N, C-alpha and C. Protein backbone atom coordinates (compact mmCIF):
# COMPACT_ATOMS: atom_id res chain seq x y z
N MET A 1 -112.94 5.29 -16.61
CA MET A 1 -112.50 3.58 -16.27
C MET A 1 -111.68 3.39 -15.02
N ILE A 2 -112.17 2.49 -13.96
CA ILE A 2 -111.66 2.49 -12.74
C ILE A 2 -110.72 0.64 -13.11
N SER A 3 -109.60 0.79 -12.39
CA SER A 3 -108.65 0.12 -12.43
C SER A 3 -108.37 -0.52 -10.79
N ILE A 4 -108.80 -1.75 -10.61
CA ILE A 4 -108.35 -2.45 -9.32
C ILE A 4 -107.26 -3.26 -9.17
N VAL A 5 -106.13 -3.12 -8.53
CA VAL A 5 -105.23 -3.71 -8.71
C VAL A 5 -104.59 -4.43 -7.73
N ILE A 6 -104.40 -5.54 -7.55
CA ILE A 6 -104.27 -6.68 -6.36
C ILE A 6 -102.89 -7.41 -6.83
N ALA A 7 -101.88 -7.48 -5.74
CA ALA A 7 -100.69 -7.72 -5.76
C ALA A 7 -100.69 -8.64 -5.01
N VAL A 8 -100.79 -9.97 -5.17
CA VAL A 8 -100.69 -11.30 -4.47
C VAL A 8 -99.06 -12.06 -4.76
N LYS A 9 -99.19 -12.79 -3.76
CA LYS A 9 -97.92 -13.93 -3.67
C LYS A 9 -98.51 -15.21 -3.00
N ASP A 10 -99.04 -16.63 -3.24
CA ASP A 10 -99.28 -17.30 -2.64
C ASP A 10 -100.15 -16.97 -1.42
N ASP A 11 -100.87 -16.13 -1.54
CA ASP A 11 -101.79 -15.79 -0.45
C ASP A 11 -103.45 -16.29 -1.26
N GLN A 12 -103.80 -17.28 -0.41
CA GLN A 12 -105.14 -18.06 -0.55
C GLN A 12 -106.58 -16.74 -0.52
N ARG A 13 -106.03 -16.13 0.13
CA ARG A 13 -106.99 -15.49 1.15
C ARG A 13 -107.82 -14.32 -0.13
N ILE A 14 -106.84 -14.20 -1.65
CA ILE A 14 -107.60 -13.53 -2.57
C ILE A 14 -108.43 -14.06 -3.03
N ALA A 15 -108.92 -15.46 -3.25
CA ALA A 15 -110.09 -15.78 -3.34
C ALA A 15 -111.31 -15.10 -2.58
N HIS A 16 -111.58 -14.78 -1.14
CA HIS A 16 -112.31 -14.01 -0.84
C HIS A 16 -112.67 -12.63 -1.12
N THR A 17 -111.07 -12.16 -1.40
CA THR A 17 -111.07 -10.81 -2.07
C THR A 17 -111.53 -10.54 -3.13
N LEU A 18 -111.49 -11.47 -3.99
CA LEU A 18 -112.01 -11.72 -5.62
C LEU A 18 -113.77 -11.74 -5.30
N LYS A 19 -114.20 -12.57 -4.42
CA LYS A 19 -115.60 -13.09 -3.67
C LYS A 19 -116.32 -11.66 -3.69
N TYR A 20 -115.86 -11.37 -2.49
CA TYR A 20 -116.43 -9.87 -2.15
C TYR A 20 -116.52 -8.80 -3.03
N LEU A 21 -115.67 -8.66 -4.21
CA LEU A 21 -115.20 -7.58 -5.26
C LEU A 21 -116.79 -7.67 -6.42
N GLU A 22 -116.77 -9.25 -6.39
CA GLU A 22 -118.30 -9.09 -6.86
C GLU A 22 -119.55 -8.49 -6.86
N HIS A 23 -119.25 -8.20 -5.45
CA HIS A 23 -120.63 -7.73 -4.73
C HIS A 23 -120.72 -6.25 -4.31
N VAL A 24 -119.43 -5.83 -4.98
CA VAL A 24 -118.92 -4.20 -4.79
C VAL A 24 -120.26 -3.25 -5.94
N ILE A 25 -120.57 -2.42 -5.51
CA ILE A 25 -120.88 -1.85 -6.41
C ILE A 25 -120.10 -0.66 -7.65
N LYS A 26 -120.53 -0.82 -8.32
CA LYS A 26 -118.96 0.00 -9.70
C LYS A 26 -119.79 1.06 -10.21
N PRO A 27 -119.19 1.94 -10.04
CA PRO A 27 -120.37 3.53 -10.62
C PRO A 27 -119.91 3.49 -12.23
N GLU A 28 -119.21 2.97 -12.15
CA GLU A 28 -118.35 2.92 -13.71
C GLU A 28 -117.72 1.57 -14.06
N ASN A 29 -117.31 1.80 -15.23
CA ASN A 29 -117.12 0.71 -15.64
C ASN A 29 -115.34 0.06 -15.23
N THR A 30 -115.41 -0.88 -14.88
CA THR A 30 -114.05 -0.91 -13.70
C THR A 30 -113.68 -2.46 -13.90
N GLU A 31 -112.23 -2.54 -14.15
CA GLU A 31 -111.71 -4.08 -14.52
C GLU A 31 -111.09 -4.17 -13.10
N VAL A 32 -110.47 -4.98 -12.73
CA VAL A 32 -109.88 -5.89 -11.97
C VAL A 32 -108.26 -6.77 -12.39
N LEU A 33 -107.08 -6.07 -12.05
CA LEU A 33 -105.95 -6.92 -12.43
C LEU A 33 -105.09 -7.50 -11.27
N VAL A 34 -104.73 -8.46 -11.06
CA VAL A 34 -104.22 -9.35 -10.16
C VAL A 34 -102.60 -9.39 -11.19
N ILE A 35 -101.82 -9.00 -9.86
CA ILE A 35 -100.82 -9.06 -10.67
C ILE A 35 -99.94 -10.43 -9.38
N ASP A 36 -100.02 -11.64 -10.09
CA ASP A 36 -99.46 -12.33 -9.28
C ASP A 36 -98.02 -13.34 -9.34
N ALA A 37 -97.28 -13.32 -8.22
CA ALA A 37 -95.72 -13.84 -8.46
C ALA A 37 -96.09 -15.16 -7.66
N SER A 38 -96.82 -15.72 -7.76
CA SER A 38 -97.14 -16.95 -7.16
C SER A 38 -96.58 -18.28 -8.37
N GLU A 39 -96.37 -18.18 -8.97
CA GLU A 39 -95.83 -19.03 -10.12
C GLU A 39 -96.55 -20.12 -10.25
N GLY A 40 -97.91 -20.31 -10.23
CA GLY A 40 -98.67 -20.88 -10.84
C GLY A 40 -99.59 -21.42 -9.45
N ARG A 41 -99.49 -21.24 -8.64
CA ARG A 41 -99.61 -21.76 -7.03
C ARG A 41 -101.60 -21.50 -6.68
N LEU A 42 -101.45 -20.09 -7.71
CA LEU A 42 -102.99 -19.85 -7.21
C LEU A 42 -103.87 -20.25 -8.43
N ASP A 43 -103.40 -20.85 -9.65
CA ASP A 43 -104.22 -21.19 -10.67
C ASP A 43 -105.47 -21.63 -10.44
N THR A 44 -106.03 -22.38 -9.30
CA THR A 44 -107.17 -22.66 -9.18
C THR A 44 -108.44 -21.77 -9.10
N ILE A 45 -107.45 -20.49 -7.97
CA ILE A 45 -108.46 -19.59 -7.93
C ILE A 45 -108.32 -18.80 -9.29
N LYS A 46 -107.51 -18.40 -9.96
CA LYS A 46 -107.20 -17.74 -11.30
C LYS A 46 -108.47 -18.43 -12.04
N LYS A 47 -108.83 -19.77 -12.20
CA LYS A 47 -109.71 -20.42 -13.05
C LYS A 47 -111.57 -20.03 -12.57
N GLN A 48 -111.45 -19.53 -11.18
CA GLN A 48 -112.88 -19.39 -10.73
C GLN A 48 -113.18 -18.09 -11.12
N TYR A 49 -112.16 -16.82 -11.49
CA TYR A 49 -112.78 -15.39 -11.58
C TYR A 49 -112.23 -15.33 -13.36
N PRO A 50 -112.94 -15.45 -13.98
CA PRO A 50 -112.71 -15.77 -15.83
C PRO A 50 -112.35 -14.09 -16.03
N ASN A 51 -113.35 -13.20 -15.41
CA ASN A 51 -113.53 -11.41 -15.79
C ASN A 51 -112.29 -10.99 -14.95
N VAL A 52 -111.54 -11.50 -13.97
CA VAL A 52 -110.23 -10.76 -13.58
C VAL A 52 -109.27 -10.75 -14.28
N ILE A 53 -108.63 -9.76 -15.14
CA ILE A 53 -106.98 -9.81 -15.55
C ILE A 53 -106.32 -10.29 -14.63
N TRP A 54 -105.49 -11.60 -15.07
CA TRP A 54 -104.76 -11.94 -14.09
C TRP A 54 -103.40 -12.06 -14.84
N ILE A 55 -102.40 -11.48 -14.14
CA ILE A 55 -101.25 -11.24 -14.95
C ILE A 55 -100.06 -11.89 -13.86
N ASN A 56 -99.06 -12.96 -14.74
CA ASN A 56 -98.11 -13.61 -13.82
C ASN A 56 -97.12 -12.37 -13.85
N TYR A 57 -96.26 -12.09 -12.55
CA TYR A 57 -95.15 -11.20 -12.09
C TYR A 57 -94.10 -11.95 -12.64
N LEU A 58 -93.30 -12.15 -13.27
CA LEU A 58 -92.08 -13.14 -13.72
C LEU A 58 -90.93 -12.20 -13.21
N ASN A 59 -90.06 -12.48 -12.43
CA ASN A 59 -88.90 -11.91 -11.93
C ASN A 59 -87.34 -12.20 -12.84
N LYS A 60 -86.85 -11.38 -13.38
CA LYS A 60 -86.35 -11.47 -14.29
C LYS A 60 -84.75 -11.07 -14.12
N THR A 61 -84.80 -10.95 -12.46
CA THR A 61 -83.50 -10.25 -12.02
C THR A 61 -83.51 -11.25 -11.14
N THR A 62 -81.89 -11.51 -10.75
CA THR A 62 -81.64 -12.07 -9.51
C THR A 62 -81.88 -11.65 -8.14
N LYS A 63 -82.38 -10.44 -8.22
CA LYS A 63 -82.98 -10.01 -6.50
C LYS A 63 -83.95 -10.24 -6.69
N LYS A 64 -84.31 -10.25 -5.24
CA LYS A 64 -85.98 -11.22 -4.74
C LYS A 64 -87.07 -9.63 -5.31
N ARG A 65 -88.54 -10.93 -5.13
CA ARG A 65 -89.46 -10.25 -5.92
C ARG A 65 -89.91 -9.10 -4.74
N THR A 66 -90.39 -8.09 -5.00
CA THR A 66 -91.28 -7.37 -4.34
C THR A 66 -92.26 -6.82 -4.72
N PHE A 67 -93.31 -6.27 -3.35
CA PHE A 67 -94.42 -5.77 -3.68
C PHE A 67 -94.70 -4.55 -4.57
N VAL A 68 -93.68 -3.75 -4.32
CA VAL A 68 -93.45 -2.59 -5.40
C VAL A 68 -93.52 -2.88 -6.65
N GLU A 69 -92.87 -3.53 -6.90
CA GLU A 69 -92.68 -4.17 -8.60
C GLU A 69 -93.91 -4.58 -9.18
N GLN A 70 -94.43 -5.54 -8.04
CA GLN A 70 -95.38 -6.01 -8.66
C GLN A 70 -96.88 -4.92 -8.87
N ILE A 71 -97.05 -3.98 -8.16
CA ILE A 71 -98.12 -3.04 -8.08
C ILE A 71 -97.31 -1.79 -9.64
N ASN A 72 -95.62 -1.81 -9.54
CA ASN A 72 -95.93 -0.85 -10.40
C ASN A 72 -96.23 -1.24 -11.82
N LEU A 73 -96.05 -2.67 -12.01
CA LEU A 73 -96.44 -3.51 -13.05
C LEU A 73 -98.16 -3.45 -13.23
N GLY A 74 -98.70 -3.42 -11.78
CA GLY A 74 -100.37 -2.98 -12.34
C GLY A 74 -100.56 -1.88 -12.95
N SER A 75 -100.15 -1.03 -12.38
CA SER A 75 -99.96 0.32 -12.97
C SER A 75 -99.77 0.80 -13.87
N ARG A 76 -99.01 0.22 -14.61
CA ARG A 76 -98.69 -0.07 -16.23
C ARG A 76 -99.59 -0.55 -16.92
N LYS A 77 -99.97 -1.71 -16.60
CA LYS A 77 -100.96 -2.47 -17.03
C LYS A 77 -102.56 -2.20 -17.21
N ALA A 78 -102.65 -1.10 -16.33
CA ALA A 78 -104.21 -1.09 -15.76
C ALA A 78 -104.45 0.39 -17.25
N LYS A 79 -105.82 -0.05 -17.51
CA LYS A 79 -106.58 1.03 -18.50
C LYS A 79 -107.42 2.20 -17.71
N GLY A 80 -107.11 1.90 -16.55
CA GLY A 80 -108.46 3.12 -15.98
C GLY A 80 -107.49 4.43 -15.68
N ASP A 81 -108.48 5.56 -15.38
CA ASP A 81 -107.94 6.62 -15.29
C ASP A 81 -108.25 6.95 -13.77
N ILE A 82 -108.44 6.24 -13.05
CA ILE A 82 -108.33 6.13 -11.78
C ILE A 82 -107.96 4.62 -11.28
N ILE A 83 -106.94 4.31 -10.56
CA ILE A 83 -106.14 3.11 -10.40
C ILE A 83 -106.64 2.72 -8.35
N VAL A 84 -106.72 2.28 -8.29
CA VAL A 84 -107.08 2.00 -6.80
C VAL A 84 -106.18 0.49 -6.65
N TYR A 85 -105.96 0.58 -5.43
CA TYR A 85 -104.58 -0.73 -5.32
C TYR A 85 -105.65 -1.59 -3.33
N LEU A 86 -105.54 -2.81 -3.50
CA LEU A 86 -106.52 -3.84 -2.85
C LEU A 86 -105.08 -4.54 -2.45
N ASP A 87 -105.00 -4.62 -0.77
CA ASP A 87 -104.48 -5.79 -0.64
C ASP A 87 -105.32 -7.55 -0.80
N ALA A 88 -104.39 -8.22 -0.81
CA ALA A 88 -104.48 -9.50 -1.32
C ALA A 88 -105.88 -10.10 -0.16
N ASP A 89 -105.96 -9.73 0.94
CA ASP A 89 -106.26 -10.26 2.04
C ASP A 89 -107.65 -9.32 2.13
N CYS A 90 -108.00 -8.09 1.38
CA CYS A 90 -108.95 -7.34 1.59
C CYS A 90 -110.21 -7.51 1.34
N ILE A 91 -110.79 -7.11 2.17
CA ILE A 91 -112.60 -7.61 2.13
C ILE A 91 -113.36 -6.55 1.98
N PRO A 92 -113.25 -6.00 1.13
CA PRO A 92 -114.17 -4.30 0.64
C PRO A 92 -115.51 -4.79 1.03
N THR A 93 -116.44 -3.40 1.20
CA THR A 93 -117.57 -3.63 1.52
C THR A 93 -118.46 -2.96 0.09
N LYS A 94 -119.83 -3.49 0.36
CA LYS A 94 -120.40 -3.12 -0.90
C LYS A 94 -119.98 -1.38 -1.81
N ASN A 95 -120.32 -0.94 -0.65
CA ASN A 95 -120.13 0.69 -1.18
C ASN A 95 -118.95 1.64 -1.37
N TRP A 96 -117.70 0.49 -0.99
CA TRP A 96 -116.07 0.92 -0.98
C TRP A 96 -115.94 1.49 -1.95
N LEU A 97 -116.04 1.28 -3.16
CA LEU A 97 -115.20 1.79 -4.40
C LEU A 97 -116.22 3.01 -4.88
N THR A 98 -118.12 3.13 -4.83
CA THR A 98 -118.48 4.42 -4.67
C THR A 98 -117.98 5.39 -3.90
N ASN A 99 -117.50 4.87 -2.90
CA ASN A 99 -117.23 6.11 -1.46
C ASN A 99 -116.01 6.30 -1.72
N ILE A 100 -115.51 5.77 -2.56
CA ILE A 100 -113.44 6.19 -2.86
C ILE A 100 -113.82 7.37 -3.98
N ILE A 101 -114.66 6.89 -5.15
CA ILE A 101 -114.85 7.71 -6.70
C ILE A 101 -115.31 9.13 -6.02
N LYS A 102 -116.61 8.93 -5.57
CA LYS A 102 -117.23 10.04 -5.64
C LYS A 102 -116.69 11.67 -5.54
N PRO A 103 -115.76 11.78 -4.29
CA PRO A 103 -115.08 13.06 -4.46
C PRO A 103 -114.06 13.21 -5.60
N ILE A 104 -113.24 12.44 -5.98
CA ILE A 104 -112.59 12.63 -7.21
C ILE A 104 -113.66 12.89 -8.14
N ARG A 105 -114.63 12.33 -8.82
CA ARG A 105 -115.25 12.80 -9.94
C ARG A 105 -115.70 13.93 -9.67
N GLN A 106 -116.70 14.22 -8.22
CA GLN A 106 -117.31 15.25 -7.93
C GLN A 106 -116.42 16.70 -8.60
N GLU A 107 -115.08 16.52 -8.06
CA GLU A 107 -114.14 17.42 -8.45
C GLU A 107 -113.40 17.51 -9.59
N ASN A 108 -113.80 16.54 -10.31
CA ASN A 108 -113.09 16.58 -12.01
C ASN A 108 -111.18 16.44 -11.43
N GLU A 109 -111.14 15.35 -10.66
CA GLU A 109 -109.51 15.23 -10.23
C GLU A 109 -109.36 14.21 -11.10
N LYS A 110 -107.97 13.93 -11.79
CA LYS A 110 -107.26 13.26 -12.63
C LYS A 110 -106.18 12.89 -11.81
């Protein structure tokens, strides 16, 4: 399984990223996880993509939220043996995932 993890905070461009991900060729079972620090401000986009696993990032400390903490949460929640990270404003091409996964699978890397 492949897990695609996207960290976001208040970036509306994630809607375009998720739209393009729907058209990406997926060479095997794939999950998409959005780790969202927007505190509900992206809920309209969330509702448009019911097949995406949307995880609210809650900061339980007094320190500022960080991108790295969101990515770490995504890594812990991901079910895939391969985890791919995307920026919230990334526009992946149709063969993007296949091209990334091919050398890993061909050489049996894990």
